[in-house]
Amino acid sequence: MPETALSALVDVLSRPVHVPKPDQAGSLVIAEPPTPFVAPRFETADGDGGSLEKEIILIEASAAAGKSTLASQLSATLKIPVLDLARVPVAGGSLHALLAGLEAADKSDPMAAFHEGRLPLIVDALDEGRLLSNETGIEQFLGSSAELLQSDRRVASKPKLVMLGRFESIELARQQFGRAAPEVKHVTANVEFYDKEGARQLIHAYARAAARPGSHYLNHPDLAEDFITTFFDAIEAALGLSAGELWDDGRGKVFAGYAPLLAAVGSILAVIDDFDNVAKNLRANRGREAWGVVEAVLYEILCREQDKLRDRLSDQCESAVPNSVYDIEEQLTLLAQYIQSKPLEGAGRVRLSASDMGKYRAMVQTYLPHHPFLRRHEFGDAVLGANAVSRAVYHGGTISRDRLISLSRQWRQSGPTRGRSR
């Protein structure tokens, strides 16, 4: 059974005595605790009984599963420095330089403390780091970090690095560490989408944070619980699942356990002043109403992906970046091209100078394979695949017959049924 990620990590990580110097504030930081916070759960994927007592703990998860929130809470709890690769460019030797710049009240050597497991570091946002530092910079950073660990083998059973990223980026880290530091042991943990209990806790956490004194939410907790149940029943219907299957089905967990959706539901719950009418609408329309929520989840994922790439591209371009850059239409078209191994040309709507277009294409080549809709060069789900394929065809693209048959089969077996009654 998966355990709470925060408690498992707190049990094995040391509280550092070294802290970032004032002039390191832009590179290494002690994070503020995220509010609200509900710890996600995770499962270890490696042998040795799933022990986390390894020098490197790799934490992988899909987009918006709570990786960075977990990193911040862990840092705030144990005062462990965080290196955010979405903000801090890195290359070969970066880890050594950052460690050497830490200070301690007793003037002890931070490098020695790191090798002894008394100064763990959290490295967050490996995926975004591949945009900021490019592939070469990230590979050099990982390689030199592995060599640093390999250089001192006195303590091999205490965690020294905790790295967080999506599946493909964590796989890159595993490969780099395996080549450069074969003696250094690592363990991989998979952060899960929120389960039934955790999802309710997160909804309530956001509702409590947004509710005003005397609100309907605070005055009628039983009605609020009933409303949440009705909401999840509607999601279950929208996905074409039988009653009671939502939290046992892989796709059900993706949609019902998606953190931004749960946060939005909690914020809305705080301001509803008539639970009965809203719940009646959900029950009356079943899948039709809830399918709109599912589509909103897809929309939210795509917007988050656009923001990450677009912000990074804006930093590198002299002229303004148009809204069409990596927007929803562009992403879905690129995804359809990617899974068919076609050139990543997009929908032909992005207008940039030749120089800026080259930068954009390079970023797409780097970032698209880590898209949350993908798993190992394929769509992770028929719902996601059907959205991308339909948009690609709309924009004049072509999809192979075998691909369409495969998606159609997936859809019939497990896809959502709009307005399905049970």
Protein backbone atom coordinates (compact mmCIF):
# COMPACT_ATOMS: atom_id res chain seq x y z
CA MET A 1 0.00 0.00 0.00
CA PRO A 2 1.43 3.42 -0.88
CA GLU A 3 2.45 5.61 2.03
CA THR A 4 2.52 9.35 2.44
CA ALA A 5 5.52 10.67 0.54
CA LEU A 6 6.30 13.36 3.07
CA SER A 7 6.41 11.07 6.11
CA ALA A 8 8.51 8.46 4.30
CA LEU A 9 11.07 11.05 3.20
CA VAL A 10 11.21 12.84 6.56
CA ASP A 11 12.05 9.50 8.19
CA VAL A 12 15.19 8.93 6.07
CA LEU A 13 16.55 12.43 5.37
CA SER A 14 18.86 14.32 7.69
CA ARG A 15 18.19 17.88 8.81
CA PRO A 16 21.15 19.88 7.43
CA VAL A 17 23.31 22.09 9.62
CA HIS A 18 24.51 24.04 6.58
CA VAL A 19 22.36 26.77 5.05
CA PRO A 20 22.56 28.88 1.90
CA LYS A 21 24.51 32.12 2.24
CA PRO A 22 22.66 35.37 1.49
CA ASP A 23 24.37 35.62 -1.91
CA GLN A 24 23.13 32.11 -2.79
CA ALA A 25 19.48 33.05 -2.33
CA GLY A 26 18.91 32.95 -6.09
CA SER A 27 20.31 29.43 -6.42
CA LEU A 28 19.65 27.42 -3.27
CA VAL A 29 16.66 28.27 -1.10
CA ILE A 30 14.82 26.97 1.91
CA ALA A 31 11.26 26.88 0.60
CA GLU A 32 8.22 28.31 2.30
CA PRO A 33 5.58 25.69 3.20
CA PRO A 34 2.87 25.52 0.53
CA THR A 35 -0.61 26.39 1.72
CA PRO A 36 -2.82 24.47 1.65
CA PHE A 37 -0.95 21.17 1.53
CA VAL A 38 -2.05 17.55 1.52
CA ALA A 39 0.76 15.06 1.11
CA PRO A 40 0.54 12.87 -2.01
CA ARG A 41 1.23 9.17 -1.76
CA PHE A 42 3.92 7.25 -3.54
CA GLU A 43 5.29 3.78 -4.13
CA THR A 44 8.91 2.75 -4.56
CA ALA A 45 9.61 1.08 -7.87
CA ASP A 46 12.91 -0.64 -7.10
CA GLY A 47 14.02 -3.72 -5.20
CA ASP A 48 15.61 -4.03 -1.76
CA GLY A 49 12.18 -3.89 -0.21
CA GLY A 50 11.65 -0.39 -1.54
CA SER A 51 14.13 1.06 0.95
CA LEU A 52 14.78 4.79 0.59
CA GLU A 53 18.17 4.50 2.27
CA LYS A 54 20.07 5.08 -0.97
CA GLU A 55 22.33 7.96 -1.94
CA ILE A 56 19.94 9.18 -4.61
CA ILE A 57 16.15 9.25 -4.33
CA LEU A 58 14.48 9.81 -7.70
CA ILE A 59 10.85 10.90 -7.50
CA GLU A 60 8.88 10.64 -10.73
CA ALA A 61 5.30 11.63 -11.50
CA SER A 62 3.01 12.99 -14.18
CA ALA A 63 2.37 16.69 -14.61
CA ALA A 64 0.64 18.40 -11.66
CA ALA A 65 0.79 15.34 -9.42
CA GLY A 66 2.32 17.41 -6.63
CA LYS A 67 6.10 17.05 -7.18
CA SER A 68 7.08 20.68 -6.61
CA THR A 69 4.58 21.07 -3.78
CA LEU A 70 6.11 18.03 -2.11
CA ALA A 71 9.61 19.46 -2.65
CA SER A 72 8.62 22.75 -1.01
CA GLN A 73 6.96 21.07 1.97
CA LEU A 74 9.93 18.76 2.47
CA SER A 75 12.33 21.70 2.34
CA ALA A 76 10.24 23.73 4.77
CA THR A 77 9.91 20.79 7.17
CA LEU A 78 13.57 19.79 7.35
CA LYS A 79 15.19 23.05 6.16
CA ILE A 80 16.79 21.25 3.23
CA PRO A 81 18.04 23.54 0.43
CA VAL A 82 16.21 23.31 -2.88
CA LEU A 83 17.80 23.77 -6.29
CA ASP A 84 14.96 24.71 -8.67
CA LEU A 85 16.15 23.88 -12.18
CA ALA A 86 13.25 25.85 -13.67
CA ARG A 87 14.92 29.03 -12.36
CA VAL A 88 18.61 28.23 -11.98
CA PRO A 89 20.70 27.28 -15.04
CA VAL A 90 23.18 24.47 -14.42
CA ALA A 91 26.05 22.74 -16.20
CA GLY A 92 29.01 20.57 -15.34
CA GLY A 93 30.32 21.23 -11.84
CA SER A 94 27.27 23.21 -10.67
CA LEU A 95 26.50 20.93 -7.74
CA HIS A 96 30.08 21.10 -6.44
CA ALA A 97 30.08 24.90 -6.65
CA LEU A 98 26.74 25.23 -4.86
CA LEU A 99 27.78 22.91 -2.04
CA ALA A 100 31.08 24.69 -1.57
CA GLY A 101 29.19 27.95 -1.09
CA LEU A 102 27.09 26.75 1.85
CA GLU A 103 27.99 27.78 5.37
CA ALA A 104 27.51 26.40 8.88
CA ALA A 105 27.51 27.91 12.33
CA ASP A 106 30.33 25.55 13.37
CA LYS A 107 32.38 26.31 10.23
CA SER A 108 32.44 22.62 9.28
CA ASP A 109 33.09 21.54 5.72
CA PRO A 110 29.81 21.36 3.68
CA MET A 111 31.36 18.99 1.15
CA ALA A 112 32.23 16.50 3.88
CA ALA A 113 28.73 16.83 5.33
CA PHE A 114 27.22 16.14 1.89
CA HIS A 115 29.27 12.97 1.42
CA GLU A 116 28.31 11.81 4.92
CA GLY A 117 24.59 12.25 4.20
CA ARG A 118 24.28 15.12 6.67
CA LEU A 119 23.58 17.71 3.97
CA PRO A 120 20.97 16.36 1.52
CA LEU A 121 19.85 18.57 -1.36
CA ILE A 122 16.54 18.65 -3.23
CA VAL A 123 16.77 19.12 -7.00
CA ASP A 124 13.37 20.05 -8.39
CA ALA A 125 11.90 20.58 -11.88
CA LEU A 126 14.28 18.42 -13.90
CA ASP A 127 11.94 18.74 -16.88
CA GLU A 128 11.88 22.53 -16.93
CA GLY A 129 15.63 22.48 -16.40
CA ARG A 130 16.03 20.81 -19.76
CA LEU A 131 14.49 23.92 -21.31
CA LEU A 132 16.46 26.44 -19.26
CA SER A 133 19.86 24.74 -19.35
CA ASN A 134 19.28 22.72 -22.58
CA GLU A 135 20.00 19.02 -22.94
CA THR A 136 23.77 19.44 -22.91
CA GLY A 137 23.74 21.50 -19.73
CA ILE A 138 21.47 19.06 -17.90
CA GLU A 139 23.46 16.02 -19.00
CA GLN A 140 26.69 17.69 -17.87
CA PHE A 141 25.06 18.60 -14.54
CA LEU A 142 23.85 15.04 -13.96
CA GLY A 143 27.17 13.54 -15.05
CA SER A 144 29.31 15.77 -12.85
CA SER A 145 26.93 15.27 -9.90
CA ALA A 146 27.31 11.51 -10.32
CA GLU A 147 31.10 11.84 -10.41
CA LEU A 148 30.99 13.92 -7.22
CA LEU A 149 29.05 11.18 -5.45
CA GLN A 150 31.39 8.53 -6.85
CA SER A 151 34.45 10.38 -5.51
CA ASP A 152 33.71 9.61 -1.85
CA ARG A 153 32.37 6.19 -0.92
CA ARG A 154 32.64 6.38 2.90
CA VAL A 155 28.87 6.57 3.43
CA ALA A 156 26.67 4.76 0.92
CA SER A 157 23.38 4.24 2.78
CA LYS A 158 22.21 7.80 3.48
CA PRO A 159 20.26 9.93 0.99
CA LYS A 160 22.28 12.82 -0.43
CA LEU A 161 20.21 13.91 -3.43
CA VAL A 162 16.44 13.97 -3.90
CA MET A 163 15.54 14.66 -7.54
CA LEU A 164 12.03 15.27 -8.88
CA GLY A 165 10.77 15.15 -12.46
CA ARG A 166 8.49 13.49 -14.96
CA PHE A 167 9.06 9.92 -16.04
CA GLU A 168 11.28 10.54 -19.09
CA SER A 169 13.51 13.05 -17.28
CA ILE A 170 13.97 10.71 -14.33
CA GLU A 171 14.89 7.98 -16.80
CA LEU A 172 17.58 10.31 -18.19
CA ALA A 173 18.90 10.82 -14.65
CA ARG A 174 19.00 7.06 -14.06
CA GLN A 175 21.00 6.57 -17.25
CA GLN A 176 23.47 9.33 -16.42
CA PHE A 177 24.04 8.08 -12.88
CA GLY A 178 24.38 4.51 -14.09
CA ARG A 179 27.10 5.46 -16.57
CA ALA A 180 29.07 7.94 -14.44
CA ALA A 181 28.61 6.41 -10.98
CA PRO A 182 27.85 2.69 -11.18
CA GLU A 183 28.66 2.20 -7.48
CA VAL A 184 26.17 4.83 -6.34
CA LYS A 185 22.82 3.28 -5.45
CA HIS A 186 19.53 4.97 -6.24
CA VAL A 187 15.87 4.24 -5.61
CA THR A 188 12.89 5.44 -7.65
CA ALA A 189 9.56 6.42 -6.14
CA ASN A 190 6.44 7.14 -8.15
CA VAL A 191 4.17 9.91 -6.83
CA GLU A 192 0.60 8.83 -7.38
CA PHE A 193 -2.40 10.96 -8.26
CA TYR A 194 -4.47 11.63 -5.18
CA ASP A 195 -6.55 8.67 -4.05
CA LYS A 196 -10.14 8.82 -2.80
CA GLU A 197 -9.21 9.93 0.70
CA GLY A 198 -6.46 12.33 -0.37
CA ALA A 199 -8.67 13.92 -3.04
CA ARG A 200 -11.36 14.74 -0.48
CA GLN A 201 -8.76 16.11 1.91
CA LEU A 202 -7.34 18.40 -0.78
CA ILE A 203 -10.79 19.68 -1.78
CA HIS A 204 -11.56 20.49 1.83
CA ALA A 205 -8.15 22.12 2.34
CA TYR A 206 -8.80 24.57 -0.50
CA ALA A 207 -12.42 25.10 0.56
CA ARG A 208 -11.40 25.96 4.11
CA ALA A 209 -8.75 28.35 2.85
CA ALA A 210 -11.27 30.22 0.68
CA ALA A 211 -14.42 30.04 2.81
CA ARG A 212 -15.61 33.15 4.61
CA PRO A 213 -17.02 33.02 8.15
CA GLY A 214 -20.64 31.97 8.09
CA SER A 215 -20.39 30.46 4.59
CA HIS A 216 -22.68 27.63 3.50
CA TYR A 217 -19.64 25.37 3.32
CA LEU A 218 -18.64 25.94 6.95
CA ASN A 219 -22.20 25.80 8.27
CA HIS A 220 -23.26 22.61 6.44
CA PRO A 221 -20.35 20.13 6.40
CA ASP A 222 -22.63 17.15 5.75
CA LEU A 223 -24.07 18.78 2.62
CA ALA A 224 -20.56 19.63 1.45
CA GLU A 225 -19.56 15.95 1.77
CA ASP A 226 -22.63 14.87 -0.19
CA PHE A 227 -21.81 17.38 -2.91
CA ILE A 228 -18.25 16.03 -3.27
CA THR A 229 -19.64 12.50 -3.56
CA THR A 230 -22.07 13.63 -6.27
CA PHE A 231 -19.25 15.36 -8.12
CA PHE A 232 -17.09 12.22 -8.19
CA ASP A 233 -20.10 10.12 -9.25
CA ALA A 234 -20.56 12.47 -12.20
CA ILE A 235 -16.88 12.16 -13.18
CA GLU A 236 -17.29 8.39 -13.01
CA ALA A 237 -20.27 8.57 -15.36
CA ALA A 238 -18.47 10.89 -17.77
CA LEU A 239 -15.63 8.39 -18.11
CA GLY A 240 -18.07 5.57 -18.81
CA LEU A 241 -17.14 3.65 -15.67
CA SER A 242 -19.45 1.44 -13.66
CA ALA A 243 -20.52 2.51 -10.19
CA GLY A 244 -17.66 2.19 -7.72
CA GLU A 245 -14.90 1.88 -10.34
CA LEU A 246 -13.61 5.46 -10.29
CA TRP A 247 -10.78 5.00 -7.77
CA ASP A 248 -9.76 1.56 -9.06
CA ASP A 249 -9.49 2.60 -12.71
CA GLY A 250 -6.27 4.12 -14.02
CA ARG A 251 -8.02 6.82 -16.06
CA GLY A 252 -10.38 7.53 -13.22
CA LYS A 253 -7.48 8.32 -10.91
CA VAL A 254 -5.91 10.62 -13.51
CA PHE A 255 -8.99 12.83 -13.74
CA ALA A 256 -10.46 12.52 -10.24
CA GLY A 257 -7.06 12.72 -8.50
CA TYR A 258 -5.65 15.62 -10.53
CA ALA A 259 -4.45 18.27 -8.07
CA PRO A 260 -5.41 21.46 -10.01
CA LEU A 261 -8.93 20.11 -10.55
CA LEU A 262 -9.30 19.30 -6.86
CA ALA A 263 -8.03 22.74 -5.94
CA ALA A 264 -10.58 24.33 -8.27
CA VAL A 265 -13.43 22.23 -6.84
CA GLY A 266 -12.44 23.23 -3.31
CA SER A 267 -12.35 26.93 -4.22
CA ILE A 268 -15.76 26.67 -5.86
CA LEU A 269 -17.16 24.67 -2.95
CA ALA A 270 -16.27 27.54 -0.63
CA VAL A 271 -18.61 29.98 -2.40
CA ILE A 272 -21.60 27.76 -3.32
CA ASP A 273 -24.63 28.85 -1.33
CA ASP A 274 -27.02 26.15 -2.54
CA PHE A 275 -25.49 22.68 -2.63
CA ASP A 276 -28.82 21.02 -3.43
CA ASN A 277 -29.41 22.75 -6.77
CA VAL A 278 -25.84 22.31 -7.99
CA ALA A 279 -25.86 18.65 -6.98
CA LYS A 280 -29.23 18.13 -8.70
CA ASN A 281 -27.77 19.49 -11.95
CA LEU A 282 -24.85 17.10 -11.71
CA ARG A 283 -27.13 14.14 -11.00
CA ALA A 284 -29.61 15.07 -13.73
CA ASN A 285 -27.01 15.50 -16.47
CA ARG A 286 -24.61 12.84 -15.20
CA GLY A 287 -21.92 12.37 -17.83
CA ARG A 288 -22.81 15.45 -19.90
CA GLU A 289 -22.10 17.88 -17.07
CA ALA A 290 -19.08 16.01 -15.80
CA TRP A 291 -17.58 15.61 -19.27
CA GLY A 292 -17.24 19.36 -19.25
CA VAL A 293 -15.13 18.97 -16.11
CA VAL A 294 -12.99 16.31 -17.80
CA GLU A 295 -12.45 18.65 -20.76
CA ALA A 296 -11.57 21.42 -18.33
CA VAL A 297 -8.89 19.16 -16.84
CA LEU A 298 -7.42 18.56 -20.30
CA TYR A 299 -7.53 22.28 -20.99
CA GLU A 300 -5.76 23.03 -17.71
CA ILE A 301 -2.97 20.55 -18.46
CA LEU A 302 -2.39 22.04 -21.91
CA CYS A 303 -2.38 25.61 -20.60
CA ARG A 304 0.19 24.71 -17.94
CA GLU A 305 2.42 23.16 -20.59
CA GLN A 306 2.12 26.25 -22.79
CA ASP A 307 3.00 28.59 -19.94
CA LYS A 308 6.18 26.69 -19.11
CA LEU A 309 7.54 26.61 -22.65
CA ARG A 310 6.31 30.09 -23.60
CA ASP A 311 7.88 31.75 -20.54
CA ARG A 312 11.21 30.13 -21.30
CA LEU A 313 11.04 31.10 -24.98
CA SER A 314 10.16 34.69 -24.10
CA ASP A 315 13.38 34.97 -22.12
CA GLN A 316 15.37 34.09 -25.25
CA CYS A 317 13.52 36.12 -27.89
CA GLU A 318 13.96 39.82 -28.57
CA SER A 319 10.47 40.33 -29.97
CA ALA A 320 7.14 39.52 -28.32
CA VAL A 321 6.09 35.88 -28.45
CA PRO A 322 2.61 35.40 -30.00
CA ASN A 323 -0.14 33.61 -28.11
CA SER A 324 -0.18 30.84 -30.71
CA VAL A 325 3.20 29.55 -29.50
CA TYR A 326 2.62 26.07 -28.05
CA ASP A 327 -1.07 26.82 -27.52
CA ILE A 328 -3.67 24.07 -27.33
CA GLU A 329 -4.07 23.63 -31.08
CA GLU A 330 -0.33 23.63 -31.56
CA GLN A 331 0.35 21.10 -28.81
CA LEU A 332 -2.29 18.65 -29.97
CA THR A 333 -1.08 18.82 -33.56
CA LEU A 334 2.53 18.36 -32.47
CA LEU A 335 1.54 15.37 -30.32
CA ALA A 336 -0.16 13.67 -33.27
CA GLN A 337 2.95 14.31 -35.38
CA TYR A 338 5.24 13.02 -32.67
CA ILE A 339 3.54 9.66 -32.11
CA GLN A 340 3.74 9.01 -35.86
CA SER A 341 7.42 10.03 -36.00
CA LYS A 342 6.64 12.86 -38.40
CA PRO A 343 8.48 16.21 -38.51
CA LEU A 344 7.32 18.43 -35.65
CA GLU A 345 5.94 21.26 -37.78
CA GLY A 346 2.84 22.03 -35.74
CA ALA A 347 -0.32 23.48 -37.26
CA GLY A 348 1.44 26.19 -39.26
CA ARG A 349 -0.06 29.01 -37.20
CA VAL A 350 3.02 30.24 -35.32
CA ARG A 351 4.69 33.31 -36.83
CA LEU A 352 8.21 34.05 -35.58
CA SER A 353 11.42 35.36 -37.08
CA ALA A 354 13.76 32.71 -38.51
CA SER A 355 16.05 32.97 -35.49
CA ASP A 356 13.24 32.77 -32.94
CA MET A 357 11.53 29.96 -34.85
CA GLY A 358 14.74 27.96 -34.60
CA LYS A 359 14.75 28.44 -30.82
CA TYR A 360 11.08 27.46 -30.64
CA ARG A 361 11.59 24.29 -32.67
CA ALA A 362 14.56 23.30 -30.51
CA MET A 363 12.48 23.73 -27.36
CA VAL A 364 9.64 21.66 -28.82
CA GLN A 365 12.09 18.87 -29.70
CA THR A 366 13.34 18.89 -26.10
CA TYR A 367 10.10 19.31 -24.20
CA LEU A 368 7.39 17.53 -26.21
CA PRO A 369 8.59 13.96 -25.44
CA HIS A 370 7.91 14.69 -21.75
CA HIS A 371 4.35 15.86 -22.37
CA PRO A 372 1.88 14.52 -19.77
CA PHE A 373 -0.29 13.09 -22.56
CA LEU A 374 2.51 10.73 -23.62
CA ARG A 375 3.93 7.49 -22.29
CA ARG A 376 6.93 5.98 -24.09
CA HIS A 377 6.25 7.60 -27.47
CA GLU A 378 2.54 6.75 -27.36
CA PHE A 379 -0.59 8.38 -26.00
CA GLY A 380 -1.07 7.41 -22.40
CA ASP A 381 -4.84 7.18 -22.77
CA ALA A 382 -7.52 6.96 -25.47
CA VAL A 383 -9.18 10.16 -24.21
CA LEU A 384 -5.96 12.11 -24.62
CA GLY A 385 -5.13 10.48 -27.94
CA ALA A 386 -8.55 11.10 -29.43
CA ASN A 387 -8.32 14.81 -28.58
CA ALA A 388 -4.94 15.17 -30.26
CA VAL A 389 -5.90 13.13 -33.31
CA SER A 390 -9.16 15.01 -33.91
CA ARG A 391 -7.38 18.38 -33.77
CA ALA A 392 -4.64 17.16 -36.09
CA VAL A 393 -7.16 15.99 -38.69
CA TYR A 394 -9.04 19.29 -38.36
CA HIS A 395 -5.85 21.12 -39.29
CA GLY A 396 -5.31 19.01 -42.39
CA GLY A 397 -3.04 16.38 -40.92
CA THR A 398 -3.20 12.68 -41.68
CA ILE A 399 -3.35 9.80 -39.24
CA SER A 400 -2.38 6.26 -40.15
CA ARG A 401 -5.13 3.66 -40.41
CA ASP A 402 -3.46 1.45 -37.77
CA ARG A 403 -3.31 4.38 -35.35
CA LEU A 404 -7.00 5.15 -35.81
CA ILE A 405 -7.97 1.50 -35.34
CA SER A 406 -5.89 1.29 -32.17
CA LEU A 407 -7.44 4.44 -30.68
CA SER A 408 -10.92 3.33 -31.68
CA ARG A 409 -10.42 0.00 -29.94
CA GLN A 410 -9.16 1.73 -26.78
CA TRP A 411 -12.10 4.13 -26.87
CA ARG A 412 -14.68 1.35 -27.20
CA GLN A 413 -13.13 -0.63 -24.38
CA SER A 414 -12.60 2.14 -21.86
CA GLY A 415 -13.36 5.58 -23.22
CA PRO A 416 -15.94 8.02 -21.89
CA THR A 417 -19.51 7.90 -23.08
CA ARG A 418 -21.15 11.30 -23.23
CA GLY A 419 -24.42 11.35 -21.43
CA ARG A 420 -24.24 7.66 -20.56
CA SER A 421 -26.88 6.60 -18.06
CA ARG A 422 -26.50 3.88 -15.50
